[in-house]
Amino acid sequence: MDHGGCRLNGGSESDGSSSGGRVGMITLEDLESFSEEQPSDSDNGSLEEEGEAMEEDEQDRLLHYWQDVARGHQVEVPNDMAVPIQQLTTNNEGTHSRERVPFTLITRKEKCGDVLYEKRHYGKANWACITVHEDTYEQSICLGFMKLMRYICQQNSSGNYLGLTIPIITVVRTDDAHSILSRAVTVAYYLPAEHQAQPPQPYDADIIIEEWPATIVYTRAFTGATNEQSIINEINTLAEMLELPTICLNCSFIVAGYTNPAAANRQNEIWFLERP
C-alpha cells in the first residue's frame, strides 16, 4: 500500500487523529428534510438583527437535531458543526441533483436476470480525502465525513460552497486473509467537475487533495448497514463471484455509499480495484 495519499490504488496510512472527540452520523437524506427561509434584505437595522437571530435559532435547532441523532451511534457532534450543517442543509437540493462520479461501463455479469457485478472504468480525477483511526468503522466515517463537510461548506481557499457528489467512498484495509478490518479508514469526496482543474485547497491540514489515476473497478451493489462484519462479508462474496479474483485482490477495498447510512434499505457498493 502506498504512503502519502489516499489514492485509488491503496490509500494512505498517515495519521488522521481526531480533535474534539468523536462526531455524529450526519446523513445526506436527513439533511434534505429541512427547508431554510433566508432573511430578506432590508436597510432597517432591527429587521437585520431579527433575521440574524432567526438564523442563529435555526442553526441551534439543526445542531441539536444532529446531536440527538449522533447519540444513537454513541458519537458526538461538536458545537462548531452548527454552521456547516446549516450551509449543507441550505444548499442541498436533493439526491437527484447531486453530481455523480463519472464512469464508463465496460461489462456487466448477470445471472437469472440479477446483476452479480459490473466492470467499470473511472477516469483520472481529484478527490479530497482524510484518513482516520477511530475505534469502529462507523465512528471513523463519521469523523471523516464531518471534516469533509467543513471543507465542502466554505472552509476552503475559494470560500464557496462546493456542492455534494455521490458516492461518498471509504477506503478500507484488511489483513491478508480478508477477515479483519484495519482501524485506518479513508473517507473521500469527489470534487465536482467545475473544481477538477483547480481544486480549492482545504483549511484543515488533515484533508489531502489527491489526483487519483484512471482505474478499472469491479463493483457489486448491496443494501443495508455498513459495518466491519458486513463489509468483510461483501468482500468475500464478490471475490467468490469473480472469475479471476487475483487480478484485483489485495488488502485495500472501497465501500461506496449512495444513500442515508441510517436508512433500512441503504444503497451501497463494494469496489475491487484492478491491479495495474
Protein backbone atom coordinates (compact mmCIF):
# COMPACT_ATOMS: atom_id res chain seq x y z
CA MET A 1 0.00 0.00 0.00
CA ASP A 2 1.41 3.36 -0.99
CA HIS A 3 2.06 6.05 1.59
CA GLY A 4 1.50 9.77 1.15
CA GLY A 5 -2.11 9.94 0.00
CA CYS A 6 -5.47 8.20 -0.35
CA ARG A 7 -5.13 7.08 -3.96
CA LEU A 8 -7.43 4.56 -5.59
CA ASN A 9 -4.52 2.16 -5.72
CA GLY A 10 -4.28 1.73 -1.98
CA GLY A 11 -4.71 4.88 0.07
CA SER A 12 -2.82 6.46 2.89
CA GLU A 13 -1.91 5.20 6.30
CA SER A 14 -0.94 8.62 7.56
CA ASP A 15 -2.31 9.54 10.96
CA GLY A 16 -5.80 11.00 10.88
CA SER A 17 -6.13 11.74 14.54
CA SER A 18 -9.36 13.33 15.67
CA SER A 19 -9.80 16.54 17.63
CA GLY A 20 -12.67 17.48 19.86
CA GLY A 21 -13.94 13.93 20.32
CA ARG A 22 -15.91 11.68 18.04
CA VAL A 23 -18.57 13.05 15.76
CA GLY A 24 -22.05 12.10 14.64
CA MET A 25 -23.63 10.32 11.72
CA ILE A 26 -24.56 13.29 9.52
CA THR A 27 -26.55 11.70 6.73
CA LEU A 28 -27.34 13.14 3.32
CA GLU A 29 -31.04 12.38 3.03
CA ASP A 30 -31.88 13.64 6.52
CA LEU A 31 -30.31 16.95 5.64
CA GLU A 32 -32.93 17.31 2.90
CA SER A 33 -35.76 17.16 5.42
CA PHE A 34 -35.09 20.73 6.45
CA SER A 35 -36.00 23.81 4.38
CA GLU A 36 -34.38 27.15 5.01
CA GLU A 37 -36.09 30.55 4.84
CA GLN A 38 -33.43 33.16 4.23
CA PRO A 39 -33.96 36.60 5.82
CA SER A 40 -34.91 39.22 3.25
CA ASP A 41 -32.54 42.14 2.62
CA SER A 42 -33.50 45.30 4.46
CA ASP A 43 -31.96 48.63 5.38
CA ASN A 44 -33.82 48.55 8.66
CA GLY A 45 -31.34 47.65 11.40
CA SER A 46 -33.93 46.00 13.63
CA LEU A 47 -35.08 43.71 10.80
CA GLU A 48 -31.49 42.70 10.09
CA GLU A 49 -30.96 41.89 13.76
CA GLU A 50 -34.17 39.89 13.80
CA GLY A 51 -33.03 37.96 10.73
CA GLU A 52 -29.67 37.21 12.35
CA ALA A 53 -31.41 35.98 15.47
CA MET A 54 -33.66 33.71 13.40
CA GLU A 55 -30.61 32.29 11.59
CA GLU A 56 -28.89 31.58 14.89
CA ASP A 57 -32.04 29.86 16.18
CA GLU A 58 -32.18 27.70 13.07
CA GLN A 59 -28.52 26.78 13.44
CA ASP A 60 -29.17 25.73 17.02
CA ARG A 61 -32.21 23.68 16.00
CA LEU A 62 -30.28 21.79 13.32
CA LEU A 63 -27.30 21.26 15.59
CA HIS A 64 -29.45 19.89 18.40
CA TYR A 65 -31.25 17.60 15.96
CA TRP A 66 -27.96 16.11 14.76
CA GLN A 67 -26.62 15.82 18.27
CA ASP A 68 -29.71 13.75 19.11
CA VAL A 69 -29.15 11.57 16.01
CA ALA A 70 -25.49 11.09 16.92
CA ARG A 71 -26.27 9.79 20.40
CA GLY A 72 -27.89 6.77 18.75
CA HIS A 73 -24.48 5.96 17.25
CA GLN A 74 -22.58 6.59 20.51
CA VAL A 75 -20.73 9.51 18.96
CA GLU A 76 -20.83 13.27 19.42
CA VAL A 77 -21.46 16.27 17.15
CA PRO A 78 -19.32 19.20 18.31
CA ASN A 79 -20.91 22.64 18.59
CA ASP A 80 -18.67 24.09 15.88
CA MET A 81 -20.54 21.96 13.30
CA ALA A 82 -23.61 24.26 13.54
CA VAL A 83 -22.65 26.47 10.58
CA PRO A 84 -21.52 23.66 8.20
CA ILE A 85 -24.69 21.69 8.96
CA GLN A 86 -26.86 24.71 8.18
CA GLN A 87 -24.91 25.50 5.00
CA LEU A 88 -25.17 21.94 3.71
CA THR A 89 -28.87 21.88 4.53
CA THR A 90 -29.50 25.20 2.78
CA ASN A 91 -27.58 24.30 -0.37
CA ASN A 92 -28.59 20.66 -0.65
CA GLU A 93 -31.12 20.34 -3.48
CA GLY A 94 -31.89 16.63 -3.31
CA THR A 95 -30.45 13.26 -4.27
CA HIS A 96 -31.20 13.58 -7.99
CA SER A 97 -29.32 16.88 -8.32
CA ARG A 98 -26.10 15.60 -6.79
CA GLU A 99 -23.29 15.15 -9.26
CA ARG A 100 -22.27 11.52 -9.68
CA VAL A 101 -18.71 10.33 -10.10
CA PRO A 102 -18.47 9.65 -13.87
CA PHE A 103 -17.53 6.22 -15.20
CA THR A 104 -17.77 4.08 -18.32
CA LEU A 105 -19.45 0.67 -18.03
CA ILE A 106 -17.23 -1.99 -19.59
CA THR A 107 -19.24 -5.13 -18.91
CA ARG A 108 -21.93 -6.49 -16.62
CA LYS A 109 -22.13 -10.06 -15.25
CA GLU A 110 -25.69 -11.29 -14.78
CA LYS A 111 -27.34 -14.49 -13.62
CA CYS A 112 -31.08 -15.19 -13.92
CA GLY A 113 -31.71 -11.51 -14.54
CA ASP A 114 -29.79 -10.35 -11.46
CA VAL A 115 -26.64 -8.25 -11.78
CA LEU A 116 -23.80 -10.03 -10.00
CA TYR A 117 -21.20 -7.35 -10.62
CA GLU A 118 -20.08 -4.67 -13.07
CA LYS A 119 -16.69 -3.83 -14.53
CA ARG A 120 -16.23 -0.06 -14.91
CA HIS A 121 -13.59 2.43 -15.95
CA TYR A 122 -13.15 5.52 -13.76
CA GLY A 123 -11.05 8.32 -15.21
CA LYS A 124 -8.30 10.29 -13.54
CA ALA A 125 -9.78 12.77 -11.07
CA ASN A 126 -9.13 14.87 -7.99
CA TRP A 127 -10.53 13.77 -4.65
CA ALA A 128 -10.48 15.32 -1.17
CA CYS A 129 -9.69 12.66 1.36
CA ILE A 130 -8.87 12.13 5.01
CA THR A 131 -7.64 9.05 6.87
CA VAL A 132 -8.86 8.48 10.43
CA HIS A 133 -8.36 5.80 13.08
CA GLU A 134 -11.37 5.59 15.40
CA ASP A 135 -12.42 2.55 17.44
CA THR A 136 -15.08 1.43 14.95
CA TYR A 137 -15.72 1.80 11.24
CA GLU A 138 -18.87 3.86 11.85
CA GLN A 139 -17.05 6.28 14.12
CA SER A 140 -14.26 6.68 11.58
CA ILE A 141 -16.59 7.51 8.70
CA CYS A 142 -18.47 9.92 10.97
CA LEU A 143 -15.33 11.86 11.82
CA GLY A 144 -14.08 11.80 8.23
CA PHE A 145 -17.37 12.98 6.76
CA MET A 146 -17.74 15.75 9.33
CA LYS A 147 -14.33 17.12 8.40
CA LEU A 148 -15.18 16.90 4.71
CA MET A 149 -18.45 18.74 5.42
CA ARG A 150 -16.46 21.68 6.71
CA TYR A 151 -14.34 21.63 3.55
CA ILE A 152 -17.41 21.46 1.29
CA CYS A 153 -19.11 24.24 3.25
CA GLN A 154 -16.75 27.17 2.55
CA GLN A 155 -13.79 26.14 4.72
CA ASN A 156 -11.64 26.08 1.61
CA SER A 157 -9.50 28.52 -0.36
CA SER A 158 -12.37 29.52 -2.70
CA GLY A 159 -14.64 30.49 0.21
CA ASN A 160 -17.58 28.92 -1.65
CA TYR A 161 -19.93 26.01 -1.09
CA LEU A 162 -18.57 23.27 -3.36
CA GLY A 163 -21.62 21.00 -3.73
CA LEU A 164 -22.26 17.38 -2.79
CA THR A 165 -21.26 14.50 -5.04
CA ILE A 166 -22.04 10.77 -4.82
CA PRO A 167 -20.94 8.28 -3.87
CA ILE A 168 -19.03 9.23 -0.74
CA ILE A 169 -16.44 6.49 -0.58
CA THR A 170 -14.36 4.91 2.14
CA VAL A 171 -11.13 3.04 1.52
CA VAL A 172 -10.91 0.12 3.94
CA ARG A 173 -7.95 -2.15 4.62
CA THR A 174 -7.90 -5.76 5.72
CA ASP A 175 -5.46 -8.40 6.86
CA ASP A 176 -4.11 -10.87 4.30
CA ALA A 177 -6.96 -13.29 5.00
CA HIS A 178 -9.57 -10.56 4.39
CA SER A 179 -11.16 -11.36 7.74
CA ILE A 180 -10.34 -8.27 9.85
CA LEU A 181 -10.70 -4.57 9.02
CA SER A 182 -7.94 -2.16 9.94
CA ARG A 183 -8.86 0.87 12.04
CA ALA A 184 -7.38 3.07 9.32
CA VAL A 185 -10.30 4.25 7.18
CA THR A 186 -10.01 6.83 4.39
CA VAL A 187 -13.11 8.88 3.61
CA ALA A 188 -13.07 10.54 0.18
CA TYR A 189 -15.14 13.14 -1.67
CA TYR A 190 -15.07 13.56 -5.45
CA LEU A 191 -14.53 17.19 -6.46
CA PRO A 192 -17.36 18.43 -8.74
CA ALA A 193 -16.43 18.87 -12.42
CA GLU A 194 -16.18 22.66 -12.13
CA HIS A 195 -13.47 22.29 -9.47
CA GLN A 196 -11.46 19.46 -11.03
CA ALA A 197 -8.98 21.70 -12.87
CA GLN A 198 -8.20 23.86 -9.83
CA PRO A 199 -9.34 22.15 -6.64
CA PRO A 200 -9.94 24.56 -3.75
CA GLN A 201 -7.45 23.88 -1.00
CA PRO A 202 -8.74 22.78 2.42
CA TYR A 203 -8.07 24.79 5.57
CA ASP A 204 -7.91 21.52 7.52
CA ALA A 205 -4.39 20.13 7.22
CA ASP A 206 -5.72 16.59 7.72
CA ILE A 207 -7.56 16.76 4.37
CA ILE A 208 -5.45 15.98 1.31
CA ILE A 209 -6.30 16.71 -2.32
CA GLU A 210 -5.15 13.72 -4.37
CA GLU A 211 -5.22 13.14 -8.12
CA TRP A 212 -6.21 9.51 -8.41
CA PRO A 213 -5.21 7.66 -11.56
CA ALA A 214 -7.61 6.14 -14.07
CA THR A 215 -8.72 2.78 -12.69
CA ILE A 216 -10.67 -0.35 -13.62
CA VAL A 217 -13.17 -1.21 -10.88
CA TYR A 218 -15.18 -4.38 -10.25
CA THR A 219 -18.26 -3.37 -8.27
CA ARG A 220 -21.19 -5.15 -6.68
CA ALA A 221 -24.26 -3.45 -5.20
CA PHE A 222 -25.60 -4.36 -1.77
CA THR A 223 -28.14 -2.93 0.65
CA GLY A 224 -28.24 -2.44 4.39
CA ALA A 225 -25.89 -1.20 7.08
CA THR A 226 -22.13 -0.96 6.60
CA ASN A 227 -20.02 -2.14 9.50
CA GLU A 228 -16.97 -4.32 9.98
CA GLN A 229 -18.79 -7.63 9.55
CA SER A 230 -20.99 -6.65 6.61
CA ILE A 231 -18.01 -5.23 4.70
CA ILE A 232 -15.95 -8.38 5.23
CA ASN A 233 -18.92 -10.46 4.03
CA GLU A 234 -19.30 -8.35 0.88
CA ILE A 235 -15.57 -8.56 0.10
CA ASN A 236 -15.68 -12.35 0.31
CA THR A 237 -18.90 -12.56 -1.72
CA LEU A 238 -17.53 -10.53 -4.63
CA ALA A 239 -14.24 -12.45 -4.52
CA GLU A 240 -16.18 -15.70 -4.97
CA MET A 241 -18.10 -14.28 -7.95
CA LEU A 242 -15.10 -13.02 -9.92
CA GLU A 243 -13.63 -15.45 -12.43
CA LEU A 244 -10.10 -14.16 -11.80
CA PRO A 245 -10.18 -12.60 -8.33
CA THR A 246 -6.38 -12.45 -8.11
CA ILE A 247 -6.29 -9.62 -10.67
CA CYS A 248 -7.65 -7.23 -8.05
CA LEU A 249 -7.45 -8.87 -4.62
CA ASN A 250 -5.09 -7.11 -2.24
CA CYS A 251 -5.63 -5.57 1.18
CA SER A 252 -7.44 -2.37 0.15
CA PHE A 253 -11.07 -2.11 -0.93
CA ILE A 254 -13.65 0.63 -1.34
CA VAL A 255 -17.15 0.97 0.10
CA ALA A 256 -19.28 3.42 -1.92
CA GLY A 257 -22.33 4.91 -0.19
CA TYR A 258 -25.20 6.40 -2.21
CA THR A 259 -27.95 6.88 0.38
CA ASN A 260 -28.61 7.68 4.00
CA PRO A 261 -26.47 5.45 6.25
CA ALA A 262 -29.32 5.27 8.76
CA ALA A 263 -31.87 4.05 6.18
CA ALA A 264 -33.11 0.47 6.48
CA ASN A 265 -32.57 -0.09 2.75
CA ARG A 266 -29.27 1.75 2.33
CA GLN A 267 -27.73 1.56 -1.16
CA ASN A 268 -24.03 0.69 -1.25
CA GLU A 269 -21.41 -0.87 -3.47
CA ILE A 270 -18.21 -2.78 -2.76
CA TRP A 271 -15.37 -1.94 -5.17
CA PHE A 272 -12.35 -4.06 -6.11
CA LEU A 273 -9.56 -2.22 -7.93
CA GLU A 274 -7.83 -3.98 -10.81
CA ARG A 275 -4.08 -4.21 -10.40
CA PRO A 276 -2.06 -2.02 -12.82
